[in-house]
Structures are given as structure tokens and as C-alpha cells.
Full PDB file with SEQRES, HELIX, SHEET, SSBOND, CRYST1, ORIGX, SCALE, CONECT and MASTER records, all heavy atoms in Angstrom:
SEQRES   1 A   41  TRP PRO THR VAL ARG ASP ARG LEU ASN ALA LEU LEU ARG          
SEQRES   2 A   41  GLY TRP SER ALA TYR PHE SER TYR GLY THR ARG LEU GLN          
SEQRES   3 A   41  ALA TYR ARG ALA ILE ASP HIS HIS VAL TYR ASP ARG VAL          
SEQRES   4 A   41  ARG HIS                                                      
HELIX    1 AA1 PRO A    2  TYR A   18  1                                  17    
HELIX    2 AA2 LEU A   25  ARG A   40  1                                  16    
CRYST1    1.000    1.000    1.000  90.00  90.00  90.00 P 1           1          
ORIGX1      1.000000  0.000000  0.000000        0.00000                         
ORIGX2      0.000000  1.000000  0.000000        0.00000                         
ORIGX3      0.000000  0.000000  1.000000        0.00000                         
SCALE1      1.000000  0.000000  0.000000        0.00000                         
SCALE2      0.000000  1.000000  0.000000        0.00000                         
SCALE3      0.000000  0.000000  1.000000        0.00000                         
ATOM      1  N   TRP A   1      99.835  33.765  60.741  1.00  0.00           N  
ATOM      2  CA  TRP A   1      98.519  34.362  60.871  1.00  0.00           C  
ATOM      3  C   TRP A   1      97.400  33.440  60.361  1.00  0.00           C  
ATOM      4  O   TRP A   1      96.366  33.312  61.018  1.00  0.00           O  
ATOM      5  CB  TRP A   1      98.458  35.725  60.179  1.00  0.00           C  
ATOM      6  CG  TRP A   1      97.051  36.260  60.132  1.00  0.00           C  
ATOM      7  CD1 TRP A   1      96.305  36.529  59.036  1.00  0.00           C  
ATOM      8  CD2 TRP A   1      96.208  36.518  61.264  1.00  0.00           C  
ATOM      9  NE1 TRP A   1      95.049  36.958  59.399  1.00  0.00           N  
ATOM     10  CE2 TRP A   1      94.960  36.964  60.759  1.00  0.00           C  
ATOM     11  CE3 TRP A   1      96.390  36.432  62.641  1.00  0.00           C  
ATOM     12  CZ2 TRP A   1      93.905  37.318  61.593  1.00  0.00           C  
ATOM     13  CZ3 TRP A   1      95.329  36.780  63.472  1.00  0.00           C  
ATOM     14  CH2 TRP A   1      94.117  37.217  62.953  1.00  0.00           C  
ATOM     15  N   PRO A   2      97.541  32.751  59.201  1.00  0.00           N  
ATOM     16  CA  PRO A   2      96.476  31.824  58.777  1.00  0.00           C  
ATOM     17  C   PRO A   2      96.172  30.747  59.824  1.00  0.00           C  
ATOM     18  O   PRO A   2      95.017  30.381  60.036  1.00  0.00           O  
ATOM     19  CB  PRO A   2      97.037  31.214  57.488  1.00  0.00           C  
ATOM     20  CG  PRO A   2      97.941  32.268  56.945  1.00  0.00           C  
ATOM     21  CD  PRO A   2      98.580  32.877  58.163  1.00  0.00           C  
ATOM     22  N   THR A   3      97.214  30.253  60.500  1.00  0.00           N  
ATOM     23  CA  THR A   3      97.002  29.236  61.538  1.00  0.00           C  
ATOM     24  C   THR A   3      96.259  29.823  62.733  1.00  0.00           C  
ATOM     25  O   THR A   3      95.307  29.225  63.244  1.00  0.00           O  
ATOM     26  CB  THR A   3      98.354  28.661  61.998  1.00  0.00           C  
ATOM     27  OG1 THR A   3      99.021  28.073  60.878  1.00  0.00           O  
ATOM     28  CG2 THR A   3      98.144  27.599  63.072  1.00  0.00           C  
ATOM     29  N   VAL A   4      96.701  31.003  63.173  1.00  0.00           N  
ATOM     30  CA  VAL A   4      96.039  31.672  64.299  1.00  0.00           C  
ATOM     31  C   VAL A   4      94.596  31.995  63.937  1.00  0.00           C  
ATOM     32  O   VAL A   4      93.672  31.797  64.730  1.00  0.00           O  
ATOM     33  CB  VAL A   4      96.811  32.945  64.697  1.00  0.00           C  
ATOM     34  CG1 VAL A   4      96.072  33.697  65.801  1.00  0.00           C  
ATOM     35  CG2 VAL A   4      98.225  32.601  65.150  1.00  0.00           C  
ATOM     36  N   ARG A   5      94.407  32.530  62.734  1.00  0.00           N  
ATOM     37  CA  ARG A   5      93.064  32.899  62.272  1.00  0.00           C  
ATOM     38  C   ARG A   5      92.128  31.692  62.253  1.00  0.00           C  
ATOM     39  O   ARG A   5      90.978  31.770  62.692  1.00  0.00           O  
ATOM     40  CB  ARG A   5      93.168  33.494  60.868  1.00  0.00           C  
ATOM     41  CG  ARG A   5      91.837  33.839  60.211  1.00  0.00           C  
ATOM     42  CD  ARG A   5      91.995  33.885  58.707  1.00  0.00           C  
ATOM     43  NE  ARG A   5      92.393  32.576  58.186  1.00  0.00           N  
ATOM     44  CZ  ARG A   5      92.999  32.391  57.021  1.00  0.00           C  
ATOM     45  NH1 ARG A   5      93.331  33.430  56.272  1.00  0.00           N  
ATOM     46  NH2 ARG A   5      93.308  31.173  56.622  1.00  0.00           N  
ATOM     47  N   ASP A   6      92.619  30.557  61.745  1.00  0.00           N  
ATOM     48  CA  ASP A   6      91.774  29.359  61.665  1.00  0.00           C  
ATOM     49  C   ASP A   6      91.396  28.852  63.051  1.00  0.00           C  
ATOM     50  O   ASP A   6      90.264  28.408  63.274  1.00  0.00           O  
ATOM     51  CB  ASP A   6      92.492  28.259  60.877  1.00  0.00           C  
ATOM     52  CG  ASP A   6      92.609  28.596  59.385  1.00  0.00           C  
ATOM     53  OD1 ASP A   6      91.931  29.546  58.944  1.00  0.00           O  
ATOM     54  OD2 ASP A   6      93.380  27.913  58.691  1.00  0.00           O  
ATOM     55  N   ARG A   7      92.327  28.910  63.988  1.00  0.00           N  
ATOM     56  CA  ARG A   7      92.017  28.491  65.367  1.00  0.00           C  
ATOM     57  C   ARG A   7      90.999  29.425  65.994  1.00  0.00           C  
ATOM     58  O   ARG A   7      90.087  28.982  66.702  1.00  0.00           O  
ATOM     59  CB  ARG A   7      93.302  28.458  66.197  1.00  0.00           C  
ATOM     60  CG  ARG A   7      94.237  27.301  65.869  1.00  0.00           C  
ATOM     61  CD  ARG A   7      95.457  27.319  66.761  1.00  0.00           C  
ATOM     62  NE  ARG A   7      95.095  27.205  68.166  1.00  0.00           N  
ATOM     63  CZ  ARG A   7      95.949  27.436  69.168  1.00  0.00           C  
ATOM     64  NH1 ARG A   7      97.193  27.807  68.903  1.00  0.00           N  
ATOM     65  NH2 ARG A   7      95.550  27.306  70.415  1.00  0.00           N  
ATOM     66  N   LEU A   8      91.155  30.726  65.725  1.00  0.00           N  
ATOM     67  CA  LEU A   8      90.215  31.707  66.255  1.00  0.00           C  
ATOM     68  C   LEU A   8      88.815  31.475  65.673  1.00  0.00           C  
ATOM     69  O   LEU A   8      87.817  31.490  66.397  1.00  0.00           O  
ATOM     70  CB  LEU A   8      90.700  33.116  65.926  1.00  0.00           C  
ATOM     71  CG  LEU A   8      89.781  34.278  66.324  1.00  0.00           C  
ATOM     72  CD1 LEU A   8      89.540  34.282  67.826  1.00  0.00           C  
ATOM     73  CD2 LEU A   8      90.376  35.603  65.874  1.00  0.00           C  
ATOM     74  N   ASN A   9      88.742  31.248  64.371  1.00  0.00           N  
ATOM     75  CA  ASN A   9      87.441  31.002  63.738  1.00  0.00           C  
ATOM     76  C   ASN A   9      86.784  29.733  64.263  1.00  0.00           C  
ATOM     77  O   ASN A   9      85.566  29.690  64.453  1.00  0.00           O  
ATOM     78  CB  ASN A   9      87.610  30.922  62.219  1.00  0.00           C  
ATOM     79  CG  ASN A   9      87.698  32.296  61.576  1.00  0.00           C  
ATOM     80  OD1 ASN A   9      87.139  33.256  62.083  1.00  0.00           O  
ATOM     81  ND2 ASN A   9      88.410  32.391  60.473  1.00  0.00           N  
ATOM     82  N   ALA A  10      87.585  28.694  64.485  1.00  0.00           N  
ATOM     83  CA  ALA A  10      87.034  27.445  65.025  1.00  0.00           C  
ATOM     84  C   ALA A  10      86.467  27.671  66.423  1.00  0.00           C  
ATOM     85  O   ALA A  10      85.403  27.148  66.775  1.00  0.00           O  
ATOM     86  CB  ALA A  10      88.110  26.366  65.055  1.00  0.00           C  
ATOM     87  N   LEU A  11      87.188  28.469  67.224  1.00  0.00           N  
ATOM     88  CA  LEU A  11      86.727  28.791  68.573  1.00  0.00           C  
ATOM     89  C   LEU A  11      85.406  29.546  68.526  1.00  0.00           C  
ATOM     90  O   LEU A  11      84.458  29.221  69.253  1.00  0.00           O  
ATOM     91  CB  LEU A  11      87.798  29.633  69.281  1.00  0.00           C  
ATOM     92  CG  LEU A  11      87.492  30.132  70.697  1.00  0.00           C  
ATOM     93  CD1 LEU A  11      87.380  28.953  71.654  1.00  0.00           C  
ATOM     94  CD2 LEU A  11      88.577  31.089  71.163  1.00  0.00           C  
ATOM     95  N   LEU A  12      85.308  30.524  67.641  1.00  0.00           N  
ATOM     96  CA  LEU A  12      84.096  31.338  67.535  1.00  0.00           C  
ATOM     97  C   LEU A  12      82.931  30.540  66.960  1.00  0.00           C  
ATOM     98  O   LEU A  12      81.786  30.713  67.384  1.00  0.00           O  
ATOM     99  CB  LEU A  12      84.371  32.564  66.667  1.00  0.00           C  
ATOM    100  CG  LEU A  12      85.382  33.564  67.239  1.00  0.00           C  
ATOM    101  CD1 LEU A  12      85.701  34.644  66.215  1.00  0.00           C  
ATOM    102  CD2 LEU A  12      84.866  34.182  68.524  1.00  0.00           C  
ATOM    103  N   ARG A  13      83.210  29.666  66.001  1.00  0.00           N  
ATOM    104  CA  ARG A  13      82.140  28.830  65.430  1.00  0.00           C  
ATOM    105  C   ARG A  13      81.555  27.903  66.484  1.00  0.00           C  
ATOM    106  O   ARG A  13      80.339  27.729  66.563  1.00  0.00           O  
ATOM    107  CB  ARG A  13      82.671  28.009  64.247  1.00  0.00           C  
ATOM    108  CG  ARG A  13      82.716  28.757  62.927  1.00  0.00           C  
ATOM    109  CD  ARG A  13      82.855  27.792  61.760  1.00  0.00           C  
ATOM    110  NE  ARG A  13      84.052  26.968  61.889  1.00  0.00           N  
ATOM    111  CZ  ARG A  13      85.242  27.304  61.400  1.00  0.00           C  
ATOM    112  NH1 ARG A  13      85.399  28.460  60.773  1.00  0.00           N  
ATOM    113  NH2 ARG A  13      86.281  26.505  61.536  1.00  0.00           N  
ATOM    114  N   GLY A  14      82.429  27.297  67.289  1.00  0.00           N  
ATOM    115  CA  GLY A  14      81.945  26.393  68.336  1.00  0.00           C  
ATOM    116  C   GLY A  14      81.095  27.125  69.364  1.00  0.00           C  
ATOM    117  O   GLY A  14      80.043  26.643  69.770  1.00  0.00           O  
ATOM    118  N   TRP A  15      81.554  28.320  69.765  1.00  0.00           N  
ATOM    119  CA  TRP A  15      80.808  29.103  70.757  1.00  0.00           C  
ATOM    120  C   TRP A  15      79.460  29.539  70.207  1.00  0.00           C  
ATOM    121  O   TRP A  15      78.436  29.412  70.869  1.00  0.00           O  
ATOM    122  CB  TRP A  15      81.629  30.323  71.174  1.00  0.00           C  
ATOM    123  CG  TRP A  15      81.114  31.014  72.393  1.00  0.00           C  
ATOM    124  CD1 TRP A  15      81.470  30.755  73.692  1.00  0.00           C  
ATOM    125  CD2 TRP A  15      80.153  32.078  72.454  1.00  0.00           C  
ATOM    126  NE1 TRP A  15      80.791  31.582  74.554  1.00  0.00           N  
ATOM    127  CE2 TRP A  15      79.975  32.409  73.817  1.00  0.00           C  
ATOM    128  CE3 TRP A  15      79.424  32.778  71.500  1.00  0.00           C  
ATOM    129  CZ2 TRP A  15      79.101  33.398  74.251  1.00  0.00           C  
ATOM    130  CZ3 TRP A  15      78.549  33.765  71.913  1.00  0.00           C  
ATOM    131  CH2 TRP A  15      78.391  34.079  73.267  1.00  0.00           C  
ATOM    132  N   SER A  16      79.448  30.062  68.986  1.00  0.00           N  
ATOM    133  CA  SER A  16      78.194  30.563  68.412  1.00  0.00           C  
ATOM    134  C   SER A  16      77.228  29.430  68.096  1.00  0.00           C  
ATOM    135  O   SER A  16      76.013  29.625  68.134  1.00  0.00           O  
ATOM    136  CB  SER A  16      78.476  31.389  67.157  1.00  0.00           C  
ATOM    137  OG  SER A  16      79.114  30.600  66.165  1.00  0.00           O  
ATOM    138  N   ALA A  17      77.753  28.237  67.785  1.00  0.00           N  
ATOM    139  CA  ALA A  17      76.867  27.095  67.530  1.00  0.00           C  
ATOM    140  C   ALA A  17      76.144  26.687  68.804  1.00  0.00           C  
ATOM    141  O   ALA A  17      74.952  26.362  68.788  1.00  0.00           O  
ATOM    142  CB  ALA A  17      77.668  25.924  66.971  1.00  0.00           C  
ATOM    143  N   TYR A  18      76.860  26.711  69.942  1.00  0.00           N  
ATOM    144  CA  TYR A  18      76.215  26.365  71.210  1.00  0.00           C  
ATOM    145  C   TYR A  18      75.241  27.463  71.633  1.00  0.00           C  
ATOM    146  O   TYR A  18      74.126  27.181  72.062  1.00  0.00           O  
ATOM    147  CB  TYR A  18      77.273  26.160  72.296  1.00  0.00           C  
ATOM    148  CG  TYR A  18      76.668  25.779  73.636  1.00  0.00           C  
ATOM    149  CD1 TYR A  18      76.300  24.463  73.894  1.00  0.00           C  
ATOM    150  CD2 TYR A  18      76.447  26.733  74.623  1.00  0.00           C  
ATOM    151  CE1 TYR A  18      75.728  24.110  75.108  1.00  0.00           C  
ATOM    152  CE2 TYR A  18      75.876  26.391  75.835  1.00  0.00           C  
ATOM    153  CZ  TYR A  18      75.525  25.074  76.073  1.00  0.00           C  
ATOM    154  OH  TYR A  18      74.934  24.737  77.270  1.00  0.00           O  
ATOM    155  N   PHE A  19      75.660  28.705  71.503  1.00  0.00           N  
ATOM    156  CA  PHE A  19      74.812  29.832  71.923  1.00  0.00           C  
ATOM    157  C   PHE A  19      74.035  30.393  70.721  1.00  0.00           C  
ATOM    158  O   PHE A  19      74.121  31.562  70.398  1.00  0.00           O  
ATOM    159  CB  PHE A  19      75.659  30.920  72.579  1.00  0.00           C  
ATOM    160  CG  PHE A  19      76.214  30.523  73.905  1.00  0.00           C  
ATOM    161  CD1 PHE A  19      77.541  30.160  74.042  1.00  0.00           C  
ATOM    162  CD2 PHE A  19      75.396  30.477  75.031  1.00  0.00           C  
ATOM    163  CE1 PHE A  19      78.053  29.772  75.271  1.00  0.00           C  
ATOM    164  CE2 PHE A  19      75.899  30.088  76.267  1.00  0.00           C  
ATOM    165  CZ  PHE A  19      77.230  29.734  76.385  1.00  0.00           C  
ATOM    166  N   SER A  20      73.296  29.511  70.073  1.00  0.00           N  
ATOM    167  CA  SER A  20      72.500  29.915  68.915  1.00  0.00           C  
ATOM    168  C   SER A  20      71.017  29.995  69.258  1.00  0.00           C  
ATOM    169  O   SER A  20      70.177  30.148  68.371  1.00  0.00           O  
ATOM    170  CB  SER A  20      72.705  28.922  67.766  1.00  0.00           C  
ATOM    171  OG  SER A  20      72.316  27.610  68.162  1.00  0.00           O  
ATOM    172  N   TYR A  21      70.692  29.877  70.540  1.00  0.00           N  
ATOM    173  CA  TYR A  21      69.304  29.882  70.995  1.00  0.00           C  
ATOM    174  C   TYR A  21      69.002  31.182  71.731  1.00  0.00           C  
ATOM    175  O   TYR A  21      69.854  31.737  72.417  1.00  0.00           O  
ATOM    176  CB  TYR A  21      69.069  28.691  71.929  1.00  0.00           C  
ATOM    177  CG  TYR A  21      67.711  28.673  72.601  1.00  0.00           C  
ATOM    178  CD1 TYR A  21      66.584  28.227  71.915  1.00  0.00           C  
ATOM    179  CD2 TYR A  21      67.557  29.131  73.901  1.00  0.00           C  
ATOM    180  CE1 TYR A  21      65.331  28.223  72.523  1.00  0.00           C  
ATOM    181  CE2 TYR A  21      66.318  29.130  74.521  1.00  0.00           C  
ATOM    182  CZ  TYR A  21      65.205  28.674  73.822  1.00  0.00           C  
ATOM    183  OH  TYR A  21      63.977  28.682  74.414  1.00  0.00           O  
ATOM    184  N   GLY A  22      67.783  31.653  71.591  1.00  0.00           N  
ATOM    185  CA  GLY A  22      67.341  32.794  72.379  1.00  0.00           C  
ATOM    186  C   GLY A  22      67.864  34.129  71.882  1.00  0.00           C  
ATOM    187  O   GLY A  22      68.224  34.298  70.710  1.00  0.00           O  
ATOM    188  N   THR A  23      67.920  35.097  72.786  1.00  0.00           N  
ATOM    189  CA  THR A  23      68.363  36.449  72.480  1.00  0.00           C  
ATOM    190  C   THR A  23      69.876  36.508  72.563  1.00  0.00           C  
ATOM    191  O   THR A  23      70.446  36.333  73.633  1.00  0.00           O  
ATOM    192  CB  THR A  23      67.750  37.449  73.485  1.00  0.00           C  
ATOM    193  OG1 THR A  23      66.330  37.335  73.450  1.00  0.00           O  
ATOM    194  CG2 THR A  23      68.149  38.869  73.148  1.00  0.00           C  
ATOM    195  N   ARG A  24      70.527  36.772  71.462  1.00  0.00           N  
ATOM    196  CA  ARG A  24      71.987  36.684  71.444  1.00  0.00           C  
ATOM    197  C   ARG A  24      72.675  37.864  70.753  1.00  0.00           C  
ATOM    198  O   ARG A  24      73.901  37.928  70.729  1.00  0.00           O  
ATOM    199  CB  ARG A  24      72.420  35.382  70.787  1.00  0.00           C  
ATOM    200  CG  ARG A  24      71.776  35.139  69.425  1.00  0.00           C  
ATOM    201  CD  ARG A  24      71.876  33.684  69.013  1.00  0.00           C  
ATOM    202  NE  ARG A  24      71.360  33.467  67.677  1.00  0.00           N  
ATOM    203  CZ  ARG A  24      70.077  33.291  67.384  1.00  0.00           C  
ATOM    204  NH1 ARG A  24      69.180  33.319  68.335  1.00  0.00           N  
ATOM    205  NH2 ARG A  24      69.691  33.081  66.142  1.00  0.00           N  
ATOM    206  N   LEU A  25      71.899  38.796  70.177  1.00  0.00           N  
ATOM    207  CA  LEU A  25      72.491  39.883  69.417  1.00  0.00           C  
ATOM    208  C   LEU A  25      73.482  40.697  70.246  1.00  0.00           C  
ATOM    209  O   LEU A  25      74.593  40.988  69.799  1.00  0.00           O  
ATOM    210  CB  LEU A  25      71.394  40.805  68.868  1.00  0.00           C  
ATOM    211  CG  LEU A  25      71.876  42.009  68.053  1.00  0.00           C  
ATOM    212  CD1 LEU A  25      72.660  41.540  66.829  1.00  0.00           C  
ATOM    213  CD2 LEU A  25      70.694  42.872  67.625  1.00  0.00           C  
ATOM    214  N   GLN A  26      73.110  41.042  71.469  1.00  0.00           N  
ATOM    215  CA  GLN A  26      73.974  41.878  72.310  1.00  0.00           C  
ATOM    216  C   GLN A  26      75.279  41.159  72.635  1.00  0.00           C  
ATOM    217  O   GLN A  26      76.358  41.759  72.587  1.00  0.00           O  
ATOM    218  CB  GLN A  26      73.239  42.259  73.589  1.00  0.00           C  
ATOM    219  CG  GLN A  26      73.942  43.327  74.413  1.00  0.00           C  
ATOM    220  CD  GLN A  26      73.092  43.816  75.578  1.00  0.00           C  
ATOM    221  OE1 GLN A  26      71.916  43.473  75.685  1.00  0.00           O  
ATOM    222  NE2 GLN A  26      73.675  44.611  76.451  1.00  0.00           N  
ATOM    223  N   ALA A  27      75.192  39.864  72.950  1.00  0.00           N  
ATOM    224  CA  ALA A  27      76.398  39.082  73.258  1.00  0.00           C  
ATOM    225  C   ALA A  27      77.274  38.940  72.015  1.00  0.00           C  
ATOM    226  O   ALA A  27      78.505  39.075  72.091  1.00  0.00           O  
ATOM    227  CB  ALA A  27      76.007  37.706  73.795  1.00  0.00           C  
ATOM    228  N   TYR A  28      76.652  38.663  70.875  1.00  0.00           N  
ATOM    229  CA  TYR A  28      77.414  38.520  69.630  1.00  0.00           C  
ATOM    230  C   TYR A  28      78.163  39.810  69.299  1.00  0.00           C  
ATOM    231  O   TYR A  28      79.326  39.788  68.901  1.00  0.00           O  
ATOM    232  CB  TYR A  28      76.471  38.169  68.479  1.00  0.00           C  
ATOM    233  CG  TYR A  28      76.101  36.699  68.369  1.00  0.00           C  
ATOM    234  CD1 TYR A  28      76.228  35.835  69.457  1.00  0.00           C  
ATOM    235  CD2 TYR A  28      75.619  36.185  67.183  1.00  0.00           C  
ATOM    236  CE1 TYR A  28      75.880  34.507  69.361  1.00  0.00           C  
ATOM    237  CE2 TYR A  28      75.272  34.841  67.066  1.00  0.00           C  
ATOM    238  CZ  TYR A  28      75.401  34.003  68.155  1.00  0.00           C  
ATOM    239  OH  TYR A  28      75.057  32.670  68.053  1.00  0.00           O  
ATOM    240  N   ARG A  29      77.475  40.946  69.442  1.00  0.00           N  
ATOM    241  CA  ARG A  29      78.114  42.226  69.138  1.00  0.00           C  
ATOM    242  C   ARG A  29      79.290  42.498  70.070  1.00  0.00           C  
ATOM    243  O   ARG A  29      80.341  42.982  69.636  1.00  0.00           O  
ATOM    244  CB  ARG A  29      77.091  43.351  69.249  1.00  0.00           C  
ATOM    245  CG  ARG A  29      76.169  43.463  68.039  1.00  0.00           C  
ATOM    246  CD  ARG A  29      75.177  44.593  68.211  1.00  0.00           C  
ATOM    247  NE  ARG A  29      74.373  44.794  67.013  1.00  0.00           N  
ATOM    248  CZ  ARG A  29      73.341  45.624  66.939  1.00  0.00           C  
ATOM    249  NH1 ARG A  29      72.981  46.325  68.021  1.00  0.00           N  
ATOM    250  NH2 ARG A  29      72.670  45.766  65.812  1.00  0.00           N  
ATOM    251  N   ALA A  30      79.105  42.187  71.344  1.00  0.00           N  
ATOM    252  CA  ALA A  30      80.183  42.414  72.315  1.00  0.00           C  
ATOM    253  C   ALA A  30      81.411  41.579  71.953  1.00  0.00           C  
ATOM    254  O   ALA A  30      82.555  42.057  72.032  1.00  0.00           O  
ATOM    255  CB  ALA A  30      79.695  42.068  73.720  1.00  0.00           C  
ATOM    256  N   ILE A  31      81.192  40.350  71.537  1.00  0.00           N  
ATOM    257  CA  ILE A  31      82.310  39.470  71.179  1.00  0.00           C  
ATOM    258  C   ILE A  31      82.942  39.919  69.865  1.00  0.00           C  
ATOM    259  O   ILE A  31      84.171  39.900  69.713  1.00  0.00           O  
ATOM    260  CB  ILE A  31      81.831  38.006  71.100  1.00  0.00           C  
ATOM    261  CG1 ILE A  31      81.437  37.534  72.508  1.00  0.00           C  
ATOM    262  CG2 ILE A  31      82.919  37.107  70.527  1.00  0.00           C  
ATOM    263  CD1 ILE A  31      80.686  36.232  72.517  1.00  0.00           C  
ATOM    264  N   ASP A  32      82.114  40.343  68.901  1.00  0.00           N  
ATOM    265  CA  ASP A  32      82.650  40.855  67.634  1.00  0.00           C  
ATOM    266  C   ASP A  32      83.594  42.027  67.876  1.00  0.00           C  
ATOM    267  O   ASP A  32      84.703  42.093  67.312  1.00  0.00           O  
ATOM    268  CB  ASP A  32      81.508  41.299  66.714  1.00  0.00           C  
ATOM    269  CG  ASP A  32      80.876  40.133  65.971  1.00  0.00           C  
ATOM    270  OD1 ASP A  32      81.469  39.046  65.972  1.00  0.00           O  
ATOM    271  OD2 ASP A  32      79.785  40.325  65.400  1.00  0.00           O  
ATOM    272  N   HIS A  33      83.163  42.974  68.692  1.00  0.00           N  
ATOM    273  CA  HIS A  33      84.001  44.138  68.988  1.00  0.00           C  
ATOM    274  C   HIS A  33      85.287  43.720  69.708  1.00  0.00           C  
ATOM    275  O   HIS A  33      86.372  44.250  69.433  1.00  0.00           O  
ATOM    276  CB  HIS A  33      83.236  45.150  69.845  1.00  0.00           C  
ATOM    277  CG  HIS A  33      82.122  45.833  69.113  1.00  0.00           C  
ATOM    278  ND1 HIS A  33      82.254  46.312  67.824  1.00  0.00           N  
ATOM    279  CD2 HIS A  33      80.845  46.124  69.475  1.00  0.00           C  
ATOM    280  CE1 HIS A  33      81.133  46.874  67.430  1.00  0.00           C  
ATOM    281  NE2 HIS A  33      80.249  46.763  68.416  1.00  0.00           N  
ATOM    282  N   HIS A  34      85.152  42.764  70.626  1.00  0.00           N  
ATOM    283  CA  HIS A  34      86.324  42.290  71.365  1.00  0.00           C  
ATOM    284  C   HIS A  34      87.305  41.592  70.419  1.00  0.00           C  
ATOM    285  O   HIS A  34      88.526  41.815  70.519  1.00  0.00           O  
ATOM    286  CB  HIS A  34      85.889  41.328  72.472  1.00  0.00           C  
ATOM    287  CG  HIS A  34      87.012  40.843  73.322  1.00  0.00           C  
ATOM    288  ND1 HIS A  34      87.608  41.618  74.294  1.00  0.00           N  
ATOM    289  CD2 HIS A  34      87.670  39.656  73.341  1.00  0.00           C  
ATOM    290  CE1 HIS A  34      88.582  40.936  74.882  1.00  0.00           C  
ATOM    291  NE2 HIS A  34      88.646  39.744  74.320  1.00  0.00           N  
ATOM    292  N   VAL A  35      86.781  40.769  69.520  1.00  0.00           N  
ATOM    293  CA  VAL A  35      87.641  40.067  68.559  1.00  0.00           C  
ATOM    294  C   VAL A  35      88.399  41.086  67.699  1.00  0.00           C  
ATOM    295  O   VAL A  35      89.605  40.953  67.485  1.00  0.00           O  
ATOM    296  CB  VAL A  35      86.810  39.128  67.666  1.00  0.00           C  
ATOM    297  CG1 VAL A  35      87.635  38.638  66.467  1.00  0.00           C  
ATOM    298  CG2 VAL A  35      86.310  37.932  68.471  1.00  0.00           C  
ATOM    299  N   TYR A  36      87.693  42.095  67.218  1.00  0.00           N  
ATOM    300  CA  TYR A  36      88.352  43.099  66.388  1.00  0.00           C  
ATOM    301  C   TYR A  36      89.474  43.805  67.158  1.00  0.00           C  
ATOM    302  O   TYR A  36      90.596  43.963  66.643  1.00  0.00           O  
ATOM    303  CB  TYR A  36      87.344  44.127  65.881  1.00  0.00           C  
ATOM    304  CG  TYR A  36      87.997  45.303  65.199  1.00  0.00           C  
ATOM    305  CD1 TYR A  36      88.754  45.119  64.041  1.00  0.00           C  
ATOM    306  CD2 TYR A  36      87.898  46.584  65.733  1.00  0.00           C  
ATOM    307  CE1 TYR A  36      89.391  46.191  63.425  1.00  0.00           C  
ATOM    308  CE2 TYR A  36      88.531  47.656  65.123  1.00  0.00           C  
ATOM    309  CZ  TYR A  36      89.282  47.465  63.968  1.00  0.00           C  
ATOM    310  OH  TYR A  36      89.909  48.517  63.373  1.00  0.00           O  
ATOM    311  N   ASP A  37      89.183  44.211  68.388  1.00  0.00           N  
ATOM    312  CA  ASP A  37      90.198  44.904  69.190  1.00  0.00           C  
ATOM    313  C   ASP A  37      91.425  44.028  69.416  1.00  0.00           C  
ATOM    314  O   ASP A  37      92.573  44.484  69.284  1.00  0.00           O  
ATOM    315  CB  ASP A  37      89.613  45.331  70.540  1.00  0.00           C  
ATOM    316  CG  ASP A  37      88.661  46.509  70.408  1.00  0.00           C  
ATOM    317  OD1 ASP A  37      88.723  47.200  69.380  1.00  0.00           O  
ATOM    318  OD2 ASP A  37      87.844  46.717  71.329  1.00  0.00           O  
ATOM    319  N   ARG A  38      91.183  42.744  69.765  1.00  0.00           N  
ATOM    320  CA  ARG A  38      92.305  41.864  70.068  1.00  0.00           C  
ATOM    321  C   ARG A  38      93.102  41.503  68.810  1.00  0.00           C  
ATOM    322  O   ARG A  38      94.334  41.430  68.846  1.00  0.00           O  
ATOM    323  CB  ARG A  38      91.797  40.579  70.747  1.00  0.00           C  
ATOM    324  CG  ARG A  38      91.090  40.778  72.082  1.00  0.00           C  
ATOM    325  CD  ARG A  38      91.885  41.638  73.027  1.00  0.00           C  
ATOM    326  NE  ARG A  38      93.225  41.094  73.277  1.00  0.00           N  
ATOM    327  CZ  ARG A  38      94.214  41.756  73.842  1.00  0.00           C  
ATOM    328  NH1 ARG A  38      94.025  43.004  74.213  1.00  0.00           N  
ATOM    329  NH2 ARG A  38      95.367  41.186  74.042  1.00  0.00           N  
ATOM    330  N   VAL A  39      92.399  41.254  67.702  1.00  0.00           N  
ATOM    331  CA  VAL A  39      93.095  40.921  66.453  1.00  0.00           C  
ATOM    332  C   VAL A  39      93.910  42.114  65.972  1.00  0.00           C  
ATOM    333  O   VAL A  39      95.065  41.973  65.558  1.00  0.00           O  
ATOM    334  CB  VAL A  39      92.086  40.476  65.375  1.00  0.00           C  
ATOM    335  CG1 VAL A  39      92.770  40.414  63.998  1.00  0.00           C  
ATOM    336  CG2 VAL A  39      91.510  39.111  65.711  1.00  0.00           C  
ATOM    337  N   ARG A  40      93.313  43.308  66.013  1.00  0.00           N  
ATOM    338  CA  ARG A  40      94.029  44.502  65.584  1.00  0.00           C  
ATOM    339  C   ARG A  40      95.279  44.722  66.444  1.00  0.00           C  
ATOM    340  O   ARG A  40      96.361  45.020  65.935  1.00  0.00           O  
ATOM    341  CB  ARG A  40      93.111  45.721  65.692  1.00  0.00           C  
ATOM    342  CG  ARG A  40      93.697  46.967  65.026  1.00  0.00           C  
ATOM    343  CD  ARG A  40      92.886  48.215  65.308  1.00  0.00           C  
ATOM    344  NE  ARG A  40      93.050  48.641  66.691  1.00  0.00           N  
ATOM    345  CZ  ARG A  40      92.079  48.677  67.587  1.00  0.00           C  
ATOM    346  NH1 ARG A  40      90.845  48.295  67.259  1.00  0.00           N  
ATOM    347  NH2 ARG A  40      92.316  49.085  68.828  1.00  0.00           N  
ATOM    348  N   HIS A  41      95.131  44.541  67.760  1.00  0.00           N  
ATOM    349  CA  HIS A  41      96.271  44.694  68.663  1.00  0.00           C  
ATOM    350  C   HIS A  41      97.335  43.646  68.355  1.00  0.00           C  
ATOM    351  O   HIS A  41      98.543  43.950  68.339  1.00  0.00           O  
ATOM    352  CB  HIS A  41      95.791  44.562  70.108  1.00  0.00           C  
ATOM    353  CG  HIS A  41      96.866  44.794  71.122  1.00  0.00           C  
ATOM    354  ND1 HIS A  41      97.451  46.019  71.333  1.00  0.00           N  
ATOM    355  CD2 HIS A  41      97.473  43.934  71.995  1.00  0.00           C  
ATOM    356  CE1 HIS A  41      98.360  45.921  72.286  1.00  0.00           C  
ATOM    357  NE2 HIS A  41      98.397  44.664  72.697  1.00  0.00           N  
TER     358      HIS A  41                                                      
MASTER        0    0    0    2    0    0    0    6  357    1    0    4          
END                                                                             
């Protein structure tokens, strides 16, 4: 799990760093909810 978690965090950090411009709250929330659902599953 620590290895999977670190890869997941790296993926999310890279995505959010690129998409850090403009209006992003709705997209961020959608991804947060998706991450929670997939991690929990």
C-alpha cells in the first residue's frame, strides 16, 4: 500500500501542478471523490 499510495500521490501532484491555472475547484472535487471511491474499493 505505501508503494501504491506514493505512485498515486505522484500522479495527482503532477496533474494538479499542470492544471493549477484558472477555475479548477469543480474538477478537483470530482477527482477527489473519484480517488476516495477507488482507494476505498
